[in-house]
Amino acid sequence: MENLENLKQIRRSLNDEFLGFRGTENYYRHSNLFSNFFLTDGVKHITDKIGLCWFLDTVLSYQGERVVKATKFQIWTLERLIEGESAGQWKVVMYLDKTPVITQLFDTISLTDDYENNFDIFKIYLADNVLFLPSEN
């Protein structure tokens, strides 16, 4: 009988495809609606390339909430649910340490060139009003 641990799916991280981004040379304003927030070269590249602007809008739309505003270093993920009744759906999550603080579900997402089929998780950080990739930290 096979060990159930061996049957767990390996999560494909979108971040692994963009490890070449280290630090940033430029900062970009995301939108007029969120004019106090900036993107690094890596975040700008990924969101433009595959159409993740809506993910950034979701992250930034929570910045007025007390628990979010009080968190100086934020960890946000876009995750495909791979088990249970909700398998195939996506969720945007803000973590405080390893505890989910904010979770928003999406039945489907639509990215450029069906890119949503290429990964299961994407992570960004937010600190000092700048969104950046883990590799840019």
N, C-alpha and C. Protein backbone atom coordinates (compact mmCIF):
# COMPACT_ATOMS: atom_id res chain seq x y z
N MET A 1 0.84 -1.18 0.00
CA MET A 1 0.00 0.00 0.00
C MET A 1 0.89 1.25 0.00
N GLU A 2 0.57 2.19 -0.87
CA GLU A 2 1.37 3.40 -0.98
C GLU A 2 1.13 4.34 0.20
N ASN A 3 2.17 5.01 0.59
CA ASN A 3 2.09 6.00 1.65
C ASN A 3 1.33 7.22 1.12
N LEU A 4 0.31 7.69 1.84
CA LEU A 4 -0.49 8.83 1.40
C LEU A 4 0.35 10.09 1.27
N GLU A 5 1.41 10.21 2.05
CA GLU A 5 2.29 11.38 1.94
C GLU A 5 2.88 11.48 0.54
N ASN A 6 3.16 10.35 -0.08
CA ASN A 6 3.77 10.34 -1.42
C ASN A 6 2.78 10.74 -2.50
N LEU A 7 1.49 10.73 -2.18
CA LEU A 7 0.47 11.05 -3.17
C LEU A 7 0.15 12.54 -3.23
N LYS A 8 0.66 13.33 -2.28
CA LYS A 8 0.40 14.76 -2.29
C LYS A 8 0.98 15.39 -3.55
N GLN A 9 0.21 16.29 -4.15
CA GLN A 9 0.69 16.97 -5.33
C GLN A 9 1.73 18.01 -4.96
N ILE A 10 2.71 18.16 -5.81
CA ILE A 10 3.71 19.20 -5.63
C ILE A 10 3.15 20.48 -6.21
N ARG A 11 3.21 21.55 -5.44
CA ARG A 11 2.68 22.85 -5.86
C ARG A 11 3.70 23.53 -6.76
N ARG A 12 3.26 23.95 -7.93
CA ARG A 12 4.12 24.64 -8.89
C ARG A 12 4.06 26.14 -8.59
N SER A 13 5.20 26.72 -8.28
CA SER A 13 5.26 28.13 -7.92
C SER A 13 5.60 28.99 -9.14
N LEU A 14 4.77 29.99 -9.39
CA LEU A 14 5.06 30.94 -10.45
C LEU A 14 6.33 31.72 -10.14
N ASN A 15 6.63 31.94 -8.88
CA ASN A 15 7.82 32.66 -8.49
C ASN A 15 9.10 31.99 -8.99
N ASP A 16 9.09 30.65 -9.10
CA ASP A 16 10.27 29.93 -9.57
C ASP A 16 10.67 30.33 -10.99
N GLU A 17 9.72 30.79 -11.79
CA GLU A 17 10.02 31.18 -13.16
C GLU A 17 10.67 32.56 -13.26
N PHE A 18 10.65 33.31 -12.17
CA PHE A 18 11.13 34.69 -12.21
C PHE A 18 12.16 34.97 -11.12
N LEU A 19 13.00 33.99 -10.83
CA LEU A 19 14.01 34.14 -9.79
C LEU A 19 15.13 35.10 -10.20
N GLY A 20 15.19 35.45 -11.48
CA GLY A 20 16.21 36.37 -11.96
C GLY A 20 16.02 37.80 -11.48
N PHE A 21 14.86 38.11 -10.94
CA PHE A 21 14.63 39.46 -10.44
C PHE A 21 15.20 39.57 -9.03
N ARG A 22 16.22 40.39 -8.90
CA ARG A 22 16.90 40.64 -7.62
C ARG A 22 16.92 42.15 -7.41
N GLY A 23 16.32 42.61 -6.34
CA GLY A 23 16.24 44.05 -6.13
C GLY A 23 15.43 44.69 -7.24
N THR A 24 15.50 46.00 -7.36
CA THR A 24 14.80 46.69 -8.45
C THR A 24 15.54 47.97 -8.78
N GLU A 25 15.45 48.38 -10.01
CA GLU A 25 16.03 49.66 -10.42
C GLU A 25 14.96 50.74 -10.53
N ASN A 26 13.71 50.32 -10.70
CA ASN A 26 12.62 51.26 -10.91
C ASN A 26 11.44 50.91 -10.01
N TYR A 27 10.63 51.91 -9.76
CA TYR A 27 9.38 51.73 -9.05
C TYR A 27 8.27 52.30 -9.92
N TYR A 28 7.18 51.56 -10.03
CA TYR A 28 6.08 51.92 -10.91
C TYR A 28 4.82 52.12 -10.08
N ARG A 29 4.07 53.13 -10.43
CA ARG A 29 2.77 53.34 -9.80
C ARG A 29 1.81 52.33 -10.42
N HIS A 30 1.08 51.62 -9.60
CA HIS A 30 0.17 50.59 -10.12
C HIS A 30 -1.02 51.21 -10.85
N SER A 31 -1.69 52.15 -10.19
CA SER A 31 -2.86 52.78 -10.82
C SER A 31 -3.18 54.07 -10.08
N ASN A 32 -3.99 54.89 -10.70
CA ASN A 32 -4.42 56.13 -10.05
C ASN A 32 -5.26 55.85 -8.81
N LEU A 33 -6.00 54.77 -8.83
CA LEU A 33 -6.85 54.40 -7.70
C LEU A 33 -6.00 54.09 -6.45
N PHE A 34 -4.87 53.48 -6.67
CA PHE A 34 -3.96 53.11 -5.57
C PHE A 34 -2.64 53.85 -5.75
N SER A 35 -2.70 55.14 -5.86
CA SER A 35 -1.53 55.95 -6.23
C SER A 35 -0.43 55.99 -5.17
N ASN A 36 -0.71 55.55 -3.95
CA ASN A 36 0.32 55.53 -2.91
C ASN A 36 1.13 54.24 -2.90
N PHE A 37 0.83 53.32 -3.83
CA PHE A 37 1.50 52.02 -3.85
C PHE A 37 2.33 51.88 -5.13
N PHE A 38 3.46 51.18 -4.97
CA PHE A 38 4.39 51.04 -6.08
C PHE A 38 4.75 49.58 -6.30
N LEU A 39 5.16 49.28 -7.54
CA LEU A 39 5.58 47.94 -7.94
C LEU A 39 7.06 47.96 -8.27
N THR A 40 7.74 46.88 -8.00
CA THR A 40 9.13 46.72 -8.41
C THR A 40 9.17 46.24 -9.86
N ASP A 41 10.38 46.16 -10.41
CA ASP A 41 10.55 45.67 -11.78
C ASP A 41 9.95 44.27 -11.95
N GLY A 42 10.19 43.38 -10.98
CA GLY A 42 9.71 42.01 -11.09
C GLY A 42 8.19 41.91 -11.07
N VAL A 43 7.56 42.59 -10.14
CA VAL A 43 6.09 42.54 -10.05
C VAL A 43 5.48 43.17 -11.30
N LYS A 44 6.02 44.27 -11.76
CA LYS A 44 5.51 44.91 -12.98
C LYS A 44 5.63 43.97 -14.16
N HIS A 45 6.77 43.32 -14.31
CA HIS A 45 6.99 42.41 -15.43
C HIS A 45 5.98 41.26 -15.43
N ILE A 46 5.82 40.61 -14.29
CA ILE A 46 4.92 39.46 -14.21
C ILE A 46 3.47 39.88 -14.44
N THR A 47 3.04 40.96 -13.81
CA THR A 47 1.64 41.36 -13.96
C THR A 47 1.34 41.79 -15.39
N ASP A 48 2.29 42.47 -16.05
CA ASP A 48 2.08 42.84 -17.45
C ASP A 48 2.11 41.62 -18.36
N LYS A 49 3.02 40.70 -18.10
CA LYS A 49 3.20 39.54 -18.97
C LYS A 49 2.00 38.60 -18.95
N ILE A 50 1.45 38.34 -17.77
CA ILE A 50 0.40 37.32 -17.71
C ILE A 50 -0.96 37.83 -17.26
N GLY A 51 -1.08 39.13 -17.02
CA GLY A 51 -2.39 39.69 -16.72
C GLY A 51 -2.83 39.55 -15.28
N LEU A 52 -1.94 39.84 -14.35
CA LEU A 52 -2.27 39.73 -12.92
C LEU A 52 -2.61 41.06 -12.27
N CYS A 53 -2.95 42.08 -13.04
CA CYS A 53 -3.30 43.38 -12.45
C CYS A 53 -4.47 43.25 -11.48
N TRP A 54 -5.43 42.39 -11.79
CA TRP A 54 -6.58 42.20 -10.90
C TRP A 54 -6.15 41.65 -9.55
N PHE A 55 -5.10 40.82 -9.52
CA PHE A 55 -4.58 40.30 -8.26
C PHE A 55 -4.02 41.44 -7.41
N LEU A 56 -3.27 42.34 -8.04
CA LEU A 56 -2.75 43.50 -7.31
C LEU A 56 -3.89 44.38 -6.82
N ASP A 57 -4.91 44.57 -7.65
CA ASP A 57 -6.08 45.35 -7.23
C ASP A 57 -6.73 44.73 -5.99
N THR A 58 -6.81 43.40 -5.98
CA THR A 58 -7.40 42.70 -4.83
C THR A 58 -6.57 42.94 -3.58
N VAL A 59 -5.26 42.77 -3.69
CA VAL A 59 -4.36 42.99 -2.56
C VAL A 59 -4.50 44.43 -2.04
N LEU A 60 -4.46 45.38 -2.95
CA LEU A 60 -4.47 46.79 -2.54
C LEU A 60 -5.84 47.23 -2.02
N SER A 61 -6.90 46.57 -2.47
CA SER A 61 -8.23 46.94 -2.00
C SER A 61 -8.42 46.64 -0.51
N TYR A 62 -7.61 45.75 0.05
CA TYR A 62 -7.70 45.42 1.47
C TYR A 62 -6.87 46.34 2.36
N GLN A 63 -6.11 47.25 1.79
CA GLN A 63 -5.17 48.04 2.59
C GLN A 63 -5.84 49.00 3.56
N GLY A 64 -7.12 49.28 3.39
CA GLY A 64 -7.83 50.14 4.33
C GLY A 64 -8.34 49.42 5.57
N GLU A 65 -8.31 48.08 5.55
CA GLU A 65 -8.80 47.32 6.70
C GLU A 65 -7.79 47.37 7.85
N ARG A 66 -8.31 47.49 9.05
CA ARG A 66 -7.46 47.70 10.23
C ARG A 66 -6.37 46.64 10.40
N VAL A 67 -6.74 45.36 10.33
CA VAL A 67 -5.76 44.29 10.54
C VAL A 67 -4.70 44.30 9.44
N VAL A 68 -5.08 44.64 8.23
CA VAL A 68 -4.13 44.69 7.12
C VAL A 68 -3.22 45.89 7.28
N LYS A 69 -3.81 47.04 7.52
CA LYS A 69 -3.04 48.28 7.67
C LYS A 69 -2.02 48.17 8.81
N ALA A 70 -2.36 47.43 9.85
CA ALA A 70 -1.48 47.28 11.00
C ALA A 70 -0.32 46.32 10.74
N THR A 71 -0.38 45.57 9.65
CA THR A 71 0.66 44.61 9.32
C THR A 71 1.70 45.28 8.43
N LYS A 72 2.88 45.51 8.98
CA LYS A 72 3.93 46.26 8.27
C LYS A 72 4.54 45.47 7.12
N PHE A 73 4.70 44.16 7.31
CA PHE A 73 5.25 43.29 6.26
C PHE A 73 4.17 42.26 5.92
N GLN A 74 3.61 42.39 4.72
CA GLN A 74 2.49 41.53 4.33
C GLN A 74 2.95 40.47 3.32
N ILE A 75 2.42 39.28 3.50
CA ILE A 75 2.67 38.17 2.59
C ILE A 75 1.33 37.83 1.93
N TRP A 76 1.27 37.95 0.61
CA TRP A 76 0.05 37.68 -0.15
C TRP A 76 0.32 36.56 -1.14
N THR A 77 -0.66 35.67 -1.29
CA THR A 77 -0.53 34.59 -2.27
C THR A 77 -1.79 34.48 -3.12
N LEU A 78 -1.59 33.97 -4.31
CA LEU A 78 -2.67 33.53 -5.18
C LEU A 78 -2.48 32.03 -5.29
N GLU A 79 -3.45 31.26 -4.80
CA GLU A 79 -3.28 29.80 -4.69
C GLU A 79 -4.43 29.06 -5.35
N ARG A 80 -4.06 28.03 -6.12
CA ARG A 80 -5.06 27.13 -6.67
C ARG A 80 -5.40 26.11 -5.59
N LEU A 81 -6.69 25.89 -5.37
CA LEU A 81 -7.12 24.84 -4.43
C LEU A 81 -7.04 23.51 -5.18
N ILE A 82 -6.33 22.57 -4.61
CA ILE A 82 -6.09 21.31 -5.33
C ILE A 82 -6.74 20.10 -4.67
N GLU A 83 -7.40 20.32 -3.55
CA GLU A 83 -8.06 19.21 -2.86
C GLU A 83 -9.45 19.62 -2.41
N GLY A 84 -10.29 18.64 -2.17
CA GLY A 84 -11.61 18.88 -1.60
C GLY A 84 -12.63 19.36 -2.60
N GLU A 85 -13.77 19.79 -2.08
CA GLU A 85 -14.88 20.24 -2.91
C GLU A 85 -14.56 21.46 -3.75
N SER A 86 -13.66 22.28 -3.26
CA SER A 86 -13.32 23.53 -3.95
C SER A 86 -12.15 23.39 -4.92
N ALA A 87 -11.69 22.17 -5.16
CA ALA A 87 -10.55 21.96 -6.05
C ALA A 87 -10.82 22.65 -7.39
N GLY A 88 -9.80 23.35 -7.86
CA GLY A 88 -9.91 24.08 -9.13
C GLY A 88 -10.21 25.55 -8.93
N GLN A 89 -10.73 25.91 -7.77
CA GLN A 89 -10.94 27.33 -7.48
C GLN A 89 -9.60 27.95 -7.07
N TRP A 90 -9.61 29.27 -7.00
CA TRP A 90 -8.42 30.02 -6.60
C TRP A 90 -8.74 30.85 -5.37
N LYS A 91 -7.72 31.13 -4.57
CA LYS A 91 -7.94 32.02 -3.44
C LYS A 91 -6.76 32.99 -3.32
N VAL A 92 -7.10 34.19 -2.91
CA VAL A 92 -6.11 35.20 -2.57
C VAL A 92 -6.06 35.21 -1.05
N VAL A 93 -4.85 35.10 -0.51
CA VAL A 93 -4.69 35.00 0.94
C VAL A 93 -3.61 35.96 1.41
N MET A 94 -3.88 36.62 2.53
CA MET A 94 -2.84 37.36 3.23
C MET A 94 -2.50 36.57 4.48
N TYR A 95 -1.21 36.31 4.67
CA TYR A 95 -0.75 35.55 5.83
C TYR A 95 -0.08 36.47 6.83
N LEU A 96 -0.30 36.18 8.09
CA LEU A 96 0.44 36.78 9.18
C LEU A 96 1.19 35.63 9.82
N ASP A 97 2.49 35.61 9.65
CA ASP A 97 3.30 34.43 9.92
C ASP A 97 2.77 33.33 9.01
N LYS A 98 2.25 32.26 9.56
CA LYS A 98 1.70 31.19 8.71
C LYS A 98 0.19 31.10 8.82
N THR A 99 -0.41 32.09 9.44
CA THR A 99 -1.85 32.09 9.67
C THR A 99 -2.56 32.96 8.64
N PRO A 100 -3.54 32.40 7.91
CA PRO A 100 -4.31 33.22 6.97
C PRO A 100 -5.13 34.26 7.73
N VAL A 101 -5.04 35.51 7.30
CA VAL A 101 -5.78 36.60 7.92
C VAL A 101 -6.91 37.04 7.01
N ILE A 102 -6.64 37.11 5.73
CA ILE A 102 -7.62 37.49 4.71
C ILE A 102 -7.67 36.37 3.68
N THR A 103 -8.85 35.95 3.29
CA THR A 103 -9.00 34.94 2.23
C THR A 103 -10.18 35.35 1.35
N GLN A 104 -9.93 35.40 0.06
CA GLN A 104 -11.00 35.68 -0.89
C GLN A 104 -10.95 34.61 -1.98
N LEU A 105 -12.09 33.96 -2.23
CA LEU A 105 -12.17 32.89 -3.22
C LEU A 105 -12.62 33.42 -4.58
N PHE A 106 -12.10 32.78 -5.62
CA PHE A 106 -12.49 33.06 -7.00
C PHE A 106 -12.78 31.71 -7.66
N ASP A 107 -13.93 31.61 -8.32
CA ASP A 107 -14.26 30.35 -9.01
C ASP A 107 -13.27 30.06 -10.12
N THR A 108 -12.93 31.08 -10.88
CA THR A 108 -11.97 30.93 -11.97
C THR A 108 -11.15 32.20 -12.07
N ILE A 109 -10.02 32.08 -12.73
CA ILE A 109 -9.23 33.25 -13.10
C ILE A 109 -8.88 33.09 -14.57
N SER A 110 -8.61 34.18 -15.23
CA SER A 110 -8.26 34.14 -16.64
C SER A 110 -7.02 34.98 -16.86
N LEU A 111 -5.94 34.33 -17.26
CA LEU A 111 -4.68 35.01 -17.48
C LEU A 111 -4.28 34.93 -18.95
N THR A 112 -3.35 35.75 -19.34
CA THR A 112 -2.85 35.77 -20.71
C THR A 112 -2.36 34.38 -21.10
N ASP A 113 -2.70 33.95 -22.30
CA ASP A 113 -2.26 32.66 -22.85
C ASP A 113 -2.57 31.48 -21.93
N ASP A 114 -3.69 31.52 -21.22
CA ASP A 114 -4.08 30.45 -20.30
C ASP A 114 -2.99 30.12 -19.28
N TYR A 115 -2.26 31.14 -18.85
CA TYR A 115 -1.12 30.95 -17.95
C TYR A 115 -1.53 30.35 -16.61
N GLU A 116 -2.81 30.45 -16.27
CA GLU A 116 -3.27 29.88 -14.99
C GLU A 116 -3.06 28.38 -14.91
N ASN A 117 -2.84 27.73 -16.05
CA ASN A 117 -2.59 26.29 -16.06
C ASN A 117 -1.14 25.94 -15.76
N ASN A 118 -0.28 26.96 -15.64
CA ASN A 118 1.16 26.73 -15.47
C ASN A 118 1.65 26.79 -14.03
N PHE A 119 0.79 27.13 -13.08
CA PHE A 119 1.25 27.25 -11.70
C PHE A 119 0.09 27.01 -10.74
N ASP A 120 0.46 26.80 -9.47
CA ASP A 120 -0.53 26.58 -8.41
C ASP A 120 -0.46 27.65 -7.33
N ILE A 121 0.66 28.36 -7.26
CA ILE A 121 0.82 29.37 -6.22
C ILE A 121 1.74 30.49 -6.71
N PHE A 122 1.41 31.71 -6.31
CA PHE A 122 2.22 32.89 -6.60
C PHE A 122 2.24 33.72 -5.34
N LYS A 123 3.43 34.20 -4.96
CA LYS A 123 3.59 34.95 -3.71
C LYS A 123 4.21 36.31 -3.99
N ILE A 124 3.66 37.34 -3.34
CA ILE A 124 4.29 38.66 -3.34
C ILE A 124 4.30 39.20 -1.91
N TYR A 125 5.14 40.18 -1.70
CA TYR A 125 5.22 40.85 -0.41
C TYR A 125 4.81 42.31 -0.58
N LEU A 126 4.35 42.90 0.50
CA LEU A 126 4.04 44.33 0.54
C LEU A 126 4.63 44.91 1.82
N ALA A 127 5.49 45.90 1.65
CA ALA A 127 6.07 46.61 2.79
C ALA A 127 6.39 48.03 2.34
N ASP A 128 6.17 48.99 3.20
CA ASP A 128 6.45 50.40 2.90
C ASP A 128 5.80 50.84 1.58
N ASN A 129 4.59 50.35 1.34
CA ASN A 129 3.79 50.69 0.14
C ASN A 129 4.41 50.21 -1.17
N VAL A 130 5.27 49.20 -1.10
CA VAL A 130 5.89 48.64 -2.30
C VAL A 130 5.56 47.15 -2.37
N LEU A 131 5.04 46.73 -3.52
CA LEU A 131 4.81 45.31 -3.80
C LEU A 131 6.06 44.75 -4.47
N PHE A 132 6.57 43.62 -3.95
CA PHE A 132 7.78 43.05 -4.52
C PHE A 132 7.77 41.53 -4.42
N LEU A 133 8.59 40.90 -5.26
CA LEU A 133 8.71 39.45 -5.28
C LEU A 133 9.61 38.99 -4.13
N PRO A 134 9.44 37.76 -3.67
CA PRO A 134 10.34 37.24 -2.64
C PRO A 134 11.82 37.30 -3.08
N SER A 135 12.10 37.09 -4.35
CA SER A 135 13.48 37.15 -4.83
C SER A 135 14.04 38.56 -4.84
N GLU A 136 13.17 39.57 -4.74
CA GLU A 136 13.61 40.96 -4.74
C GLU A 136 13.82 41.50 -3.32
N ASN A 137 13.58 40.67 -2.33
CA ASN A 137 13.68 41.08 -0.93
C ASN A 137 15.13 41.28 -0.53
